[in-house]
Amino acid sequence: MVVQTLLLVTSQVTLKIAMTKMGKFEWAKDYFISLTKNIPLAVSGITIVGATLLWFHVLKKYEFSLAYPLVAMSYVFGMIAALVVFKEAIPTARWIGVTLIIIGVILVARTA
């Protein structure tokens, strides 16, 4: 689950990076050709495919009521990525929310 969640977050982080590199959207051939040269966009696509393949395995092996709540760890990893990669200032209320998510994940995992 941790690897699947990390791939999921990596996909979203690289997608955010890719979006900042893209110009204004246009229905033009040159715009779509430029997308093929956007490496972070390709990495995002590859990592989301990896996360999805691992998710297939998780769904096959574990109860949905256990597996799905554990995906909430992606919010925790996403918050850390926002802080480290994007240098975002994160308000206290968000840290409290992430702390509650961690507590929830621990409670769900303990009942497994």
C-alpha atoms as a PDB file:
ATOM      1  CA  MET A   1       0.000   0.000   0.000  1.00  0.00           C
ATOM      2  CA  VAL A   2       2.802   2.426   0.824  1.00  0.00           C
ATOM      3  CA  VAL A   3       4.440   1.985  -2.591  1.00  0.00           C
ATOM      4  CA  GLN A   4       1.082   2.378  -4.336  1.00  0.00           C
ATOM      5  CA  THR A   5       0.373   5.535  -2.374  1.00  0.00           C
ATOM      6  CA  LEU A   6       3.841   6.961  -3.045  1.00  0.00           C
ATOM      7  CA  LEU A   7       3.402   6.323  -6.776  1.00  0.00           C
ATOM      8  CA  LEU A   8       0.015   8.015  -6.638  1.00  0.00           C
ATOM      9  CA  VAL A   9       1.488  11.094  -4.961  1.00  0.00           C
ATOM     10  CA  THR A  10       4.497  11.126  -7.294  1.00  0.00           C
ATOM     11  CA  SER A  11       2.081  11.163 -10.202  1.00  0.00           C
ATOM     12  CA  GLN A  12       0.243  14.175  -8.791  1.00  0.00           C
ATOM     13  CA  VAL A  13       3.438  16.058  -7.912  1.00  0.00           C
ATOM     14  CA  THR A  14       4.913  15.553 -11.375  1.00  0.00           C
ATOM     15  CA  LEU A  15       1.565  16.497 -12.925  1.00  0.00           C
ATOM     16  CA  LYS A  16       1.634  19.775 -10.968  1.00  0.00           C
ATOM     17  CA  ILE A  17       5.193  20.395 -12.191  1.00  0.00           C
ATOM     18  CA  ALA A  18       4.134  19.567 -15.750  1.00  0.00           C
ATOM     19  CA  MET A  19       1.204  21.981 -15.554  1.00  0.00           C
ATOM     20  CA  THR A  20       3.477  24.831 -14.502  1.00  0.00           C
ATOM     21  CA  LYS A  21       5.653  24.204 -17.576  1.00  0.00           C
ATOM     22  CA  MET A  22       2.737  24.214 -19.982  1.00  0.00           C
ATOM     23  CA  GLY A  23       1.645  27.317 -21.750  1.00  0.00           C
ATOM     24  CA  LYS A  24      -1.910  28.470 -22.159  1.00  0.00           C
ATOM     25  CA  PHE A  25      -4.171  25.722 -23.483  1.00  0.00           C
ATOM     26  CA  GLU A  26      -4.851  25.888 -27.218  1.00  0.00           C
ATOM     27  CA  TRP A  27      -6.611  23.579 -29.634  1.00  0.00           C
ATOM     28  CA  ALA A  28      -3.555  23.701 -31.853  1.00  0.00           C
ATOM     29  CA  LYS A  29      -1.216  21.066 -33.217  1.00  0.00           C
ATOM     30  CA  ASP A  30       1.873  22.786 -31.795  1.00  0.00           C
ATOM     31  CA  TYR A  31       0.376  22.771 -28.308  1.00  0.00           C
ATOM     32  CA  PHE A  32      -0.258  19.036 -28.389  1.00  0.00           C
ATOM     33  CA  ILE A  33       3.180  18.344 -29.847  1.00  0.00           C
ATOM     34  CA  SER A  34       4.698  20.320 -26.951  1.00  0.00           C
ATOM     35  CA  LEU A  35       2.916  17.968 -24.543  1.00  0.00           C
ATOM     36  CA  THR A  36       4.924  15.049 -25.930  1.00  0.00           C
ATOM     37  CA  LYS A  37       8.123  16.837 -24.906  1.00  0.00           C
ATOM     38  CA  ASN A  38       6.973  17.511 -21.338  1.00  0.00           C
ATOM     39  CA  ILE A  39       9.012  14.981 -19.299  1.00  0.00           C
ATOM     40  CA  PRO A  40       7.193  15.561 -15.979  1.00  0.00           C
ATOM     41  CA  LEU A  41       3.906  14.847 -17.777  1.00  0.00           C
ATOM     42  CA  ALA A  42       5.308  11.540 -19.037  1.00  0.00           C
ATOM     43  CA  VAL A  43       6.584  10.661 -15.553  1.00  0.00           C
ATOM     44  CA  SER A  44       3.158  11.457 -14.160  1.00  0.00           C
ATOM     45  CA  GLY A  45       1.544   9.112 -16.652  1.00  0.00           C
ATOM     46  CA  ILE A  46       4.003   6.299 -15.946  1.00  0.00           C
ATOM     47  CA  THR A  47       3.648   6.578 -12.178  1.00  0.00           C
ATOM     48  CA  ILE A  48      -0.153   6.657 -12.290  1.00  0.00           C
ATOM     49  CA  VAL A  49      -0.096   3.484 -14.391  1.00  0.00           C
ATOM     50  CA  GLY A  50       2.215   1.883 -11.817  1.00  0.00           C
ATOM     51  CA  ALA A  51      -0.043   2.991  -8.970  1.00  0.00           C
ATOM     52  CA  THR A  52      -3.074   1.596 -10.763  1.00  0.00           C
ATOM     53  CA  LEU A  53      -1.419  -1.772 -11.393  1.00  0.00           C
ATOM     54  CA  LEU A  54      -0.457  -2.025  -7.728  1.00  0.00           C
ATOM     55  CA  TRP A  55      -3.999  -1.005  -6.781  1.00  0.00           C
ATOM     56  CA  PHE A  56      -5.288  -3.993  -8.788  1.00  0.00           C
ATOM     57  CA  HIS A  57      -3.131  -6.235  -6.616  1.00  0.00           C
ATOM     58  CA  VAL A  58      -4.246  -4.547  -3.393  1.00  0.00           C
ATOM     59  CA  LEU A  59      -7.931  -4.875  -4.310  1.00  0.00           C
ATOM     60  CA  LYS A  60      -7.478  -8.546  -5.121  1.00  0.00           C
ATOM     61  CA  LYS A  61      -5.626  -9.326  -1.897  1.00  0.00           C
ATOM     62  CA  TYR A  62      -7.262  -7.135   0.790  1.00  0.00           C
ATOM     63  CA  GLU A  63     -10.751  -6.218   1.904  1.00  0.00           C
ATOM     64  CA  PHE A  64     -11.953  -2.987   0.335  1.00  0.00           C
ATOM     65  CA  SER A  65     -12.930  -1.622   3.746  1.00  0.00           C
ATOM     66  CA  LEU A  66      -9.264  -1.887   4.748  1.00  0.00           C
ATOM     67  CA  ALA A  67      -7.542  -0.961   1.491  1.00  0.00           C
ATOM     68  CA  TYR A  68      -9.498   2.140   0.552  1.00  0.00           C
ATOM     69  CA  PRO A  69      -9.073   4.053   3.823  1.00  0.00           C
ATOM     70  CA  LEU A  70      -5.319   3.401   3.690  1.00  0.00           C
ATOM     71  CA  VAL A  71      -5.156   5.376   0.448  1.00  0.00           C
ATOM     72  CA  ALA A  72      -5.759   8.404   2.689  1.00  0.00           C
ATOM     73  CA  MET A  73      -2.026   8.287   3.409  1.00  0.00           C
ATOM     74  CA  SER A  74      -1.668   9.953   0.017  1.00  0.00           C
ATOM     75  CA  TYR A  75      -2.982  13.133   1.674  1.00  0.00           C
ATOM     76  CA  VAL A  76      -0.179  12.931   4.216  1.00  0.00           C
ATOM     77  CA  PHE A  77       2.493  12.339   1.574  1.00  0.00           C
ATOM     78  CA  GLY A  78       0.927  15.061  -0.572  1.00  0.00           C
ATOM     79  CA  MET A  79       1.177  17.551   2.267  1.00  0.00           C
ATOM     80  CA  ILE A  80       4.832  16.669   2.766  1.00  0.00           C
ATOM     81  CA  ALA A  81       5.428  17.081  -0.989  1.00  0.00           C
ATOM     82  CA  ALA A  82       3.725  20.492  -0.908  1.00  0.00           C
ATOM     83  CA  LEU A  83       6.093  21.538   1.848  1.00  0.00           C
ATOM     84  CA  VAL A  84       9.307  20.049   0.445  1.00  0.00           C
ATOM     85  CA  VAL A  85       8.870  20.215  -3.339  1.00  0.00           C
ATOM     86  CA  PHE A  86       6.703  23.302  -3.774  1.00  0.00           C
ATOM     87  CA  LYS A  87       7.854  25.191  -0.655  1.00  0.00           C
ATOM     88  CA  GLU A  88       4.246  25.939   0.284  1.00  0.00           C
ATOM     89  CA  ALA A  89       3.361  27.499   3.610  1.00  0.00           C
ATOM     90  CA  ILE A  90       0.937  25.110   5.255  1.00  0.00           C
ATOM     91  CA  PRO A  91      -1.501  26.494   7.823  1.00  0.00           C
ATOM     92  CA  THR A  92      -1.899  24.845  11.217  1.00  0.00           C
ATOM     93  CA  ALA A  93      -5.452  23.732  10.410  1.00  0.00           C
ATOM     94  CA  ARG A  94      -4.136  21.572   7.545  1.00  0.00           C
ATOM     95  CA  TRP A  95      -1.524  19.977   9.804  1.00  0.00           C
ATOM     96  CA  ILE A  96      -4.277  19.191  12.292  1.00  0.00           C
ATOM     97  CA  GLY A  97      -6.316  17.634   9.485  1.00  0.00           C
ATOM     98  CA  VAL A  98      -3.371  15.508   8.348  1.00  0.00           C
ATOM     99  CA  THR A  99      -2.784  14.423  11.948  1.00  0.00           C
ATOM    100  CA  LEU A 100      -6.413  13.283  12.145  1.00  0.00           C
ATOM    101  CA  ILE A 101      -5.964  11.360   8.890  1.00  0.00           C
ATOM    102  CA  ILE A 102      -2.903   9.611  10.328  1.00  0.00           C
ATOM    103  CA  ILE A 103      -4.856   8.682  13.453  1.00  0.00           C
ATOM    104  CA  GLY A 104      -7.670   7.337  11.258  1.00  0.00           C
ATOM    105  CA  VAL A 105      -5.286   5.263   9.159  1.00  0.00           C
ATOM    106  CA  ILE A 106      -3.725   3.801  12.321  1.00  0.00           C
ATOM    107  CA  LEU A 107      -7.170   2.889  13.654  1.00  0.00           C
ATOM    108  CA  VAL A 108      -8.180   1.247  10.378  1.00  0.00           C
ATOM    109  CA  ALA A 109      -4.896  -0.671  10.101  1.00  0.00           C
ATOM    110  CA  ARG A 110      -5.110  -1.915  13.711  1.00  0.00           C
ATOM    111  CA  THR A 111      -8.473  -3.529  13.058  1.00  0.00           C
ATOM    112  CA  ALA A 112      -7.042  -5.577  10.191  1.00  0.00           C
END
